[in-house]
Amino acid sequence: MNGAYLLLIAIPLIGMLVQSRLKSKFKKYSQLHLSSNLSGKEIAERMLSDHGIRDVKVISVGGQLTDHYNPVNKTVNLSQVVYGERNVAAAAVAAHEVGHAVQHAQGYKWLKMRSRLVPAVNISSKVVQWVLLGGILLLNTFPQLLLIGIVLFSVTTLFSFVTLPVEYDASKRALAWIEQKGIVNQREHAASEDALKWAARTYVVAALGSLATLLYYVMKYANRR
C-alpha cells in the first residue's frame, strides 16, 4: 500500500514539473521567429490542403494551450497565440493539430479506438468519483460498489493510454511534414521537436497518474477485510 501512496504523491508532482517545463518551452520557442514567416493558421491550412483535406476549417479559440482538433464538427481549433503568430511554437502546435485531422481522414486505428471510448468516458466521468467515494465508505458492508467504481475508472485509464499513440503519431506526422515542405529550417525543426516532446510527456504523466490511482483502488478492494 505504501508504494501506491508514494505513486499518488509523486506523479502529480512530476506532472506539475512537466507542465511548468512545457510552458517554459512554449514561451522560449514563441520568441523564435519562423524563417518561412507563416502564421499558425497558414501552416494549418497548407498542411490540410497538402493532404487533400477540404472539409476541415481552421478557427481561432480563446485561452492558452487550448489547441485541439474536433472530429465532430471537423475544425482545427488554434489558440490566439498560435493562430496568428509566426514563430516555431505556433508552427509546431498548428501542424500537430492538423496531424489529428489527417489521422481522422485516413482512419488511423488508435484515433478510431479513442473515439469509440468517448461515450463511455463521458458517462463514467460523471459518476465515478461518487461511486468510488461510496465504495470506500461502504467497503466492509458493500464492497461490490467499489468494484463498480474500479470498472468505471478503468475506462478512463484505458482512454489515457489509448491517447498516447494518437498524440505521438500526430507529432510524428507534423514534424515530417514541416521538414519536408521547408516550413522550418534545421534549427527550427529541432526546436519544434523539443516542444512537441514536452507536450507529449504531459499525456504520459496523465496516463501513469490514472494507472496509479486505479491500482490504489484495486489494492483497497483486494485488501478489504
C-alpha atoms as a PDB file:
ATOM      1  CA  MET A   1       0.000   0.000   0.000  1.00  0.00           C
ATOM      2  CA  ASN A   2       2.897   2.361   0.746  1.00  0.00           C
ATOM      3  CA  GLY A   3       4.045   2.079  -2.862  1.00  0.00           C
ATOM      4  CA  ALA A   4       0.628   3.123  -4.129  1.00  0.00           C
ATOM      5  CA  TYR A   5       0.589   6.133  -1.809  1.00  0.00           C
ATOM      6  CA  LEU A   6       4.054   7.164  -3.000  1.00  0.00           C
ATOM      7  CA  LEU A   7       2.938   6.976  -6.635  1.00  0.00           C
ATOM      8  CA  LEU A   8      -0.158   9.036  -5.890  1.00  0.00           C
ATOM      9  CA  ILE A   9       2.047  11.726  -4.363  1.00  0.00           C
ATOM     10  CA  ALA A  10       4.960  11.565  -6.805  1.00  0.00           C
ATOM     11  CA  ILE A  11       3.098  11.538 -10.116  1.00  0.00           C
ATOM     12  CA  PRO A  12       1.137  14.797  -9.550  1.00  0.00           C
ATOM     13  CA  LEU A  13       4.414  16.477  -8.572  1.00  0.00           C
ATOM     14  CA  ILE A  14       6.077  15.193 -11.729  1.00  0.00           C
ATOM     15  CA  GLY A  15       3.044  16.372 -13.681  1.00  0.00           C
ATOM     16  CA  MET A  16       3.429  19.879 -12.289  1.00  0.00           C
ATOM     17  CA  LEU A  17       7.101  19.904 -13.258  1.00  0.00           C
ATOM     18  CA  VAL A  18       6.336  18.707 -16.788  1.00  0.00           C
ATOM     19  CA  GLN A  19       3.567  21.298 -17.205  1.00  0.00           C
ATOM     20  CA  SER A  20       5.911  24.013 -15.976  1.00  0.00           C
ATOM     21  CA  ARG A  21       8.618  22.853 -18.366  1.00  0.00           C
ATOM     22  CA  LEU A  22       6.149  22.765 -21.256  1.00  0.00           C
ATOM     23  CA  LYS A  23       5.053  26.358 -20.596  1.00  0.00           C
ATOM     24  CA  SER A  24       8.698  27.389 -20.396  1.00  0.00           C
ATOM     25  CA  LYS A  25       9.473  25.689 -23.719  1.00  0.00           C
ATOM     26  CA  PHE A  26       6.412  27.229 -25.373  1.00  0.00           C
ATOM     27  CA  LYS A  27       7.432  30.682 -24.165  1.00  0.00           C
ATOM     28  CA  LYS A  28      11.012  30.153 -25.378  1.00  0.00           C
ATOM     29  CA  TYR A  29      10.039  28.940 -28.848  1.00  0.00           C
ATOM     30  CA  SER A  30       7.336  31.586 -29.161  1.00  0.00           C
ATOM     31  CA  GLN A  31      10.200  34.073 -29.300  1.00  0.00           C
ATOM     32  CA  LEU A  32      11.914  32.220 -32.154  1.00  0.00           C
ATOM     33  CA  HIS A  33      10.603  33.774 -35.355  1.00  0.00           C
ATOM     34  CA  LEU A  34       9.816  31.348 -38.159  1.00  0.00           C
ATOM     35  CA  SER A  35      12.077  31.726 -41.189  1.00  0.00           C
ATOM     36  CA  SER A  36       9.210  30.918 -43.566  1.00  0.00           C
ATOM     37  CA  ASN A  37       7.175  33.734 -41.949  1.00  0.00           C
ATOM     38  CA  LEU A  38       3.967  31.671 -41.987  1.00  0.00           C
ATOM     39  CA  SER A  39       1.320  32.011 -39.287  1.00  0.00           C
ATOM     40  CA  GLY A  40      -0.163  29.080 -37.426  1.00  0.00           C
ATOM     41  CA  LYS A  41      -3.369  29.472 -39.433  1.00  0.00           C
ATOM     42  CA  GLU A  42      -1.500  29.488 -42.752  1.00  0.00           C
ATOM     43  CA  ILE A  43       0.536  26.408 -41.786  1.00  0.00           C
ATOM     44  CA  ALA A  44      -2.580  24.517 -40.730  1.00  0.00           C
ATOM     45  CA  GLU A  45      -4.429  25.369 -43.925  1.00  0.00           C
ATOM     46  CA  ARG A  46      -1.453  24.438 -46.097  1.00  0.00           C
ATOM     47  CA  MET A  47      -0.988  21.089 -44.350  1.00  0.00           C
ATOM     48  CA  LEU A  48      -4.692  20.303 -44.730  1.00  0.00           C
ATOM     49  CA  SER A  49      -4.520  21.178 -48.427  1.00  0.00           C
ATOM     50  CA  ASP A  50      -1.396  19.071 -48.972  1.00  0.00           C
ATOM     51  CA  HIS A  51      -3.236  16.054 -47.564  1.00  0.00           C
ATOM     52  CA  GLY A  52      -6.285  16.673 -49.728  1.00  0.00           C
ATOM     53  CA  ILE A  53      -8.494  17.585 -46.774  1.00  0.00           C
ATOM     54  CA  ARG A  54     -11.079  20.155 -47.919  1.00  0.00           C
ATOM     55  CA  ASP A  55     -13.825  19.824 -45.298  1.00  0.00           C
ATOM     56  CA  VAL A  56     -11.910  20.934 -42.194  1.00  0.00           C
ATOM     57  CA  LYS A  57     -11.891  24.570 -41.072  1.00  0.00           C
ATOM     58  CA  VAL A  58      -9.158  26.312 -39.092  1.00  0.00           C
ATOM     59  CA  ILE A  59     -10.585  28.598 -36.413  1.00  0.00           C
ATOM     60  CA  SER A  60      -9.283  30.686 -33.519  1.00  0.00           C
ATOM     61  CA  VAL A  61     -10.251  29.944 -29.900  1.00  0.00           C
ATOM     62  CA  GLY A  62      -9.509  31.673 -26.622  1.00  0.00           C
ATOM     63  CA  GLY A  63      -7.066  30.616 -23.942  1.00  0.00           C
ATOM     64  CA  GLN A  64      -3.505  29.312 -23.966  1.00  0.00           C
ATOM     65  CA  LEU A  65      -2.551  25.733 -24.877  1.00  0.00           C
ATOM     66  CA  THR A  66      -6.227  25.152 -25.716  1.00  0.00           C
ATOM     67  CA  ASP A  67      -5.416  23.973 -29.233  1.00  0.00           C
ATOM     68  CA  HIS A  68      -7.256  20.859 -30.381  1.00  0.00           C
ATOM     69  CA  TYR A  69      -8.879  19.096 -33.321  1.00  0.00           C
ATOM     70  CA  ASN A  70     -12.623  18.485 -33.108  1.00  0.00           C
ATOM     71  CA  PRO A  71     -13.618  15.453 -35.215  1.00  0.00           C
ATOM     72  CA  VAL A  72     -17.337  16.103 -34.649  1.00  0.00           C
ATOM     73  CA  ASN A  73     -17.530  19.447 -36.469  1.00  0.00           C
ATOM     74  CA  LYS A  74     -14.204  18.968 -38.295  1.00  0.00           C
ATOM     75  CA  THR A  75     -12.394  22.036 -37.023  1.00  0.00           C
ATOM     76  CA  VAL A  76      -8.769  22.654 -36.149  1.00  0.00           C
ATOM     77  CA  ASN A  77      -9.030  24.960 -33.146  1.00  0.00           C
ATOM     78  CA  LEU A  78      -5.946  27.107 -32.587  1.00  0.00           C
ATOM     79  CA  SER A  79      -5.430  29.381 -29.591  1.00  0.00           C
ATOM     80  CA  GLN A  80      -4.817  33.040 -30.311  1.00  0.00           C
ATOM     81  CA  VAL A  81      -1.088  32.709 -29.568  1.00  0.00           C
ATOM     82  CA  VAL A  82      -0.869  30.054 -32.294  1.00  0.00           C
ATOM     83  CA  TYR A  83      -3.469  31.124 -34.859  1.00  0.00           C
ATOM     84  CA  GLY A  84      -1.923  34.444 -35.927  1.00  0.00           C
ATOM     85  CA  GLU A  85       1.656  34.107 -34.714  1.00  0.00           C
ATOM     86  CA  ARG A  86       4.691  33.373 -36.884  1.00  0.00           C
ATOM     87  CA  ASN A  87       7.058  31.505 -34.605  1.00  0.00           C
ATOM     88  CA  VAL A  88       8.343  27.980 -34.063  1.00  0.00           C
ATOM     89  CA  ALA A  89       5.944  27.167 -31.219  1.00  0.00           C
ATOM     90  CA  ALA A  90       2.944  28.190 -33.321  1.00  0.00           C
ATOM     91  CA  ALA A  91       4.198  26.131 -36.269  1.00  0.00           C
ATOM     92  CA  ALA A  92       4.684  23.006 -34.146  1.00  0.00           C
ATOM     93  CA  VAL A  93       1.297  23.241 -32.448  1.00  0.00           C
ATOM     94  CA  ALA A  94      -0.626  24.065 -35.633  1.00  0.00           C
ATOM     95  CA  ALA A  95       0.941  21.176 -37.552  1.00  0.00           C
ATOM     96  CA  HIS A  96       0.356  18.801 -34.626  1.00  0.00           C
ATOM     97  CA  GLU A  97      -3.366  19.576 -34.508  1.00  0.00           C
ATOM     98  CA  VAL A  98      -3.665  19.105 -38.254  1.00  0.00           C
ATOM     99  CA  GLY A  99      -1.905  15.795 -37.679  1.00  0.00           C
ATOM    100  CA  HIS A 100      -5.057  14.714 -35.842  1.00  0.00           C
ATOM    101  CA  ALA A 101      -7.197  15.826 -38.776  1.00  0.00           C
ATOM    102  CA  VAL A 102      -5.018  13.716 -41.076  1.00  0.00           C
ATOM    103  CA  GLN A 103      -5.417  10.761 -38.715  1.00  0.00           C
ATOM    104  CA  HIS A 104      -9.189  11.222 -38.873  1.00  0.00           C
ATOM    105  CA  ALA A 105      -9.225  11.459 -42.656  1.00  0.00           C
ATOM    106  CA  GLN A 106      -7.070   8.355 -43.030  1.00  0.00           C
ATOM    107  CA  GLY A 107      -8.902   6.291 -40.407  1.00  0.00           C
ATOM    108  CA  TYR A 108      -5.956   5.935 -38.037  1.00  0.00           C
ATOM    109  CA  LYS A 109      -6.818   2.924 -35.864  1.00  0.00           C
ATOM    110  CA  TRP A 110      -5.829   4.376 -32.492  1.00  0.00           C
ATOM    111  CA  LEU A 111      -7.863   7.522 -33.099  1.00  0.00           C
ATOM    112  CA  LYS A 112     -10.853   5.395 -34.065  1.00  0.00           C
ATOM    113  CA  MET A 113     -10.455   3.381 -30.884  1.00  0.00           C
ATOM    114  CA  ARG A 114     -10.243   6.539 -28.769  1.00  0.00           C
ATOM    115  CA  SER A 115     -13.353   7.939 -30.439  1.00  0.00           C
ATOM    116  CA  ARG A 116     -15.260   4.753 -29.602  1.00  0.00           C
ATOM    117  CA  LEU A 117     -14.306   5.173 -25.951  1.00  0.00           C
ATOM    118  CA  VAL A 118     -15.528   8.782 -25.696  1.00  0.00           C
ATOM    119  CA  PRO A 119     -19.211   7.995 -24.896  1.00  0.00           C
ATOM    120  CA  ALA A 120     -18.191   5.544 -22.154  1.00  0.00           C
ATOM    121  CA  VAL A 121     -15.662   8.022 -20.723  1.00  0.00           C
ATOM    122  CA  ASN A 122     -18.270  10.802 -20.674  1.00  0.00           C
ATOM    123  CA  ILE A 123     -20.699   8.625 -18.738  1.00  0.00           C
ATOM    124  CA  SER A 124     -18.025   7.307 -16.378  1.00  0.00           C
ATOM    125  CA  SER A 125     -16.587  10.750 -15.576  1.00  0.00           C
ATOM    126  CA  LYS A 126     -19.970  12.000 -14.345  1.00  0.00           C
ATOM    127  CA  VAL A 127     -20.415   9.364 -11.649  1.00  0.00           C
ATOM    128  CA  VAL A 128     -17.101   7.632 -10.978  1.00  0.00           C
ATOM    129  CA  GLN A 129     -15.897   9.907  -8.158  1.00  0.00           C
ATOM    130  CA  TRP A 130     -19.137   9.417  -6.237  1.00  0.00           C
ATOM    131  CA  VAL A 131     -19.165   5.664  -6.801  1.00  0.00           C
ATOM    132  CA  LEU A 132     -15.546   5.385  -5.621  1.00  0.00           C
ATOM    133  CA  LEU A 133     -16.249   7.534  -2.567  1.00  0.00           C
ATOM    134  CA  GLY A 134     -19.280   5.442  -1.712  1.00  0.00           C
ATOM    135  CA  GLY A 135     -17.275   2.300  -2.334  1.00  0.00           C
ATOM    136  CA  ILE A 136     -14.600   3.370   0.177  1.00  0.00           C
ATOM    137  CA  LEU A 137     -17.183   4.341   2.821  1.00  0.00           C
ATOM    138  CA  LEU A 138     -19.122   1.095   2.384  1.00  0.00           C
ATOM    139  CA  LEU A 139     -16.119  -1.131   1.734  1.00  0.00           C
ATOM    140  CA  ASN A 140     -16.837  -3.517   4.599  1.00  0.00           C
ATOM    141  CA  THR A 141     -20.588  -3.770   4.024  1.00  0.00           C
ATOM    142  CA  PHE A 142     -20.994  -3.356   0.263  1.00  0.00           C
ATOM    143  CA  PRO A 143     -17.603  -3.961  -1.432  1.00  0.00           C
ATOM    144  CA  GLN A 144     -19.293  -4.501  -4.794  1.00  0.00           C
ATOM    145  CA  LEU A 145     -19.804  -0.729  -5.050  1.00  0.00           C
ATOM    146  CA  LEU A 146     -16.057  -0.124  -5.041  1.00  0.00           C
ATOM    147  CA  LEU A 147     -15.647  -2.818  -7.673  1.00  0.00           C
ATOM    148  CA  ILE A 148     -18.153  -0.971  -9.870  1.00  0.00           C
ATOM    149  CA  GLY A 149     -16.135   2.199  -9.331  1.00  0.00           C
ATOM    150  CA  ILE A 150     -12.944   0.394 -10.344  1.00  0.00           C
ATOM    151  CA  VAL A 151     -14.557  -0.791 -13.572  1.00  0.00           C
ATOM    152  CA  LEU A 152     -15.764   2.734 -14.337  1.00  0.00           C
ATOM    153  CA  PHE A 153     -12.374   4.261 -13.598  1.00  0.00           C
ATOM    154  CA  SER A 154     -10.592   1.646 -15.713  1.00  0.00           C
ATOM    155  CA  VAL A 155     -12.393   3.089 -18.745  1.00  0.00           C
ATOM    156  CA  THR A 156     -10.747   6.458 -18.065  1.00  0.00           C
ATOM    157  CA  THR A 157      -7.365   4.803 -17.585  1.00  0.00           C
ATOM    158  CA  LEU A 158      -7.716   2.885 -20.848  1.00  0.00           C
ATOM    159  CA  PHE A 159      -8.634   6.132 -22.618  1.00  0.00           C
ATOM    160  CA  SER A 160      -5.481   7.792 -21.247  1.00  0.00           C
ATOM    161  CA  PHE A 161      -3.245   5.060 -22.623  1.00  0.00           C
ATOM    162  CA  VAL A 162      -5.001   4.883 -25.993  1.00  0.00           C
ATOM    163  CA  THR A 163      -4.408   8.643 -26.254  1.00  0.00           C
ATOM    164  CA  LEU A 164      -0.623   8.177 -26.148  1.00  0.00           C
ATOM    165  CA  PRO A 165      -0.096   6.661 -29.633  1.00  0.00           C
ATOM    166  CA  VAL A 166      -2.602   9.179 -31.021  1.00  0.00           C
ATOM    167  CA  GLU A 167      -0.592  12.128 -29.706  1.00  0.00           C
ATOM    168  CA  TYR A 168       2.824  10.747 -30.618  1.00  0.00           C
ATOM    169  CA  ASP A 169       1.690   9.870 -34.134  1.00  0.00           C
ATOM    170  CA  ALA A 170       0.226  13.358 -34.672  1.00  0.00           C
ATOM    171  CA  SER A 171       3.563  14.883 -33.672  1.00  0.00           C
ATOM    172  CA  LYS A 172       5.431  12.497 -35.959  1.00  0.00           C
ATOM    173  CA  ARG A 173       3.237  13.494 -38.897  1.00  0.00           C
ATOM    174  CA  ALA A 174       3.624  17.181 -38.053  1.00  0.00           C
ATOM    175  CA  LEU A 175       7.417  17.097 -37.815  1.00  0.00           C
ATOM    176  CA  ALA A 176       7.784  15.109 -41.030  1.00  0.00           C
ATOM    177  CA  TRP A 177       5.552  17.490 -42.965  1.00  0.00           C
ATOM    178  CA  ILE A 178       7.039  20.798 -41.767  1.00  0.00           C
ATOM    179  CA  GLU A 179      10.511  19.494 -42.614  1.00  0.00           C
ATOM    180  CA  GLN A 180       9.533  18.063 -45.994  1.00  0.00           C
ATOM    181  CA  LYS A 181       7.763  21.258 -47.064  1.00  0.00           C
ATOM    182  CA  GLY A 182      10.508  23.586 -45.862  1.00  0.00           C
ATOM    183  CA  ILE A 183       8.287  25.264 -43.281  1.00  0.00           C
ATOM    184  CA  VAL A 184      11.197  25.150 -40.838  1.00  0.00           C
ATOM    185  CA  ASN A 185      14.964  25.114 -41.126  1.00  0.00           C
ATOM    186  CA  GLN A 186      17.167  22.633 -39.274  1.00  0.00           C
ATOM    187  CA  ARG A 187      17.355  24.681 -36.072  1.00  0.00           C
ATOM    188  CA  GLU A 188      13.633  25.352 -36.072  1.00  0.00           C
ATOM    189  CA  HIS A 189      12.855  21.684 -36.674  1.00  0.00           C
ATOM    190  CA  ALA A 190      14.891  20.686 -33.603  1.00  0.00           C
ATOM    191  CA  ALA A 191      13.047  23.293 -31.540  1.00  0.00           C
ATOM    192  CA  SER A 192       9.669  22.087 -32.839  1.00  0.00           C
ATOM    193  CA  GLU A 193      10.555  18.501 -31.972  1.00  0.00           C
ATOM    194  CA  ASP A 194      11.603  19.538 -28.468  1.00  0.00           C
ATOM    195  CA  ALA A 195       8.354  21.449 -27.871  1.00  0.00           C
ATOM    196  CA  LEU A 196       6.181  18.560 -29.054  1.00  0.00           C
ATOM    197  CA  LYS A 197       8.113  16.051 -26.954  1.00  0.00           C
ATOM    198  CA  TRP A 198       7.353  18.029 -23.808  1.00  0.00           C
ATOM    199  CA  ALA A 199       3.711  18.309 -24.816  1.00  0.00           C
ATOM    200  CA  ALA A 200       3.560  14.520 -25.273  1.00  0.00           C
ATOM    201  CA  ARG A 201       5.084  13.969 -21.835  1.00  0.00           C
ATOM    202  CA  THR A 202       2.069  15.631 -20.210  1.00  0.00           C
ATOM    203  CA  TYR A 203      -0.070  12.823 -21.644  1.00  0.00           C
ATOM    204  CA  VAL A 204       2.372  10.196 -20.388  1.00  0.00           C
ATOM    205  CA  VAL A 205       2.224  11.605 -16.859  1.00  0.00           C
ATOM    206  CA  ALA A 206      -1.581  11.776 -17.015  1.00  0.00           C
ATOM    207  CA  ALA A 207      -1.777   8.130 -18.101  1.00  0.00           C
ATOM    208  CA  LEU A 208       0.594   6.990 -15.360  1.00  0.00           C
ATOM    209  CA  GLY A 209      -1.331   9.029 -12.800  1.00  0.00           C
ATOM    210  CA  SER A 210      -4.569   7.414 -13.867  1.00  0.00           C
ATOM    211  CA  LEU A 211      -2.977   3.956 -13.659  1.00  0.00           C
ATOM    212  CA  ALA A 212      -1.571   4.661 -10.178  1.00  0.00           C
ATOM    213  CA  THR A 213      -4.989   5.798  -8.966  1.00  0.00           C
ATOM    214  CA  LEU A 214      -6.616   2.702 -10.448  1.00  0.00           C
ATOM    215  CA  LEU A 215      -4.072   0.431  -8.746  1.00  0.00           C
ATOM    216  CA  TYR A 216      -4.695   2.191  -5.442  1.00  0.00           C
ATOM    217  CA  TYR A 217      -8.412   1.385  -5.568  1.00  0.00           C
ATOM    218  CA  VAL A 218      -7.724  -2.168  -6.733  1.00  0.00           C
ATOM    219  CA  MET A 219      -5.436  -2.673  -3.735  1.00  0.00           C
ATOM    220  CA  LYS A 220      -8.057  -1.203  -1.407  1.00  0.00           C
ATOM    221  CA  TYR A 221     -10.584  -3.663  -2.760  1.00  0.00           C
ATOM    222  CA  ALA A 222      -8.197  -6.620  -2.644  1.00  0.00           C
ATOM    223  CA  ASN A 223      -7.094  -5.887   0.944  1.00  0.00           C
ATOM    224  CA  ARG A 224     -10.578  -5.363   2.324  1.00  0.00           C
ATOM    225  CA  ARG A 225     -11.498  -7.291   5.456  1.00  0.00           C
END
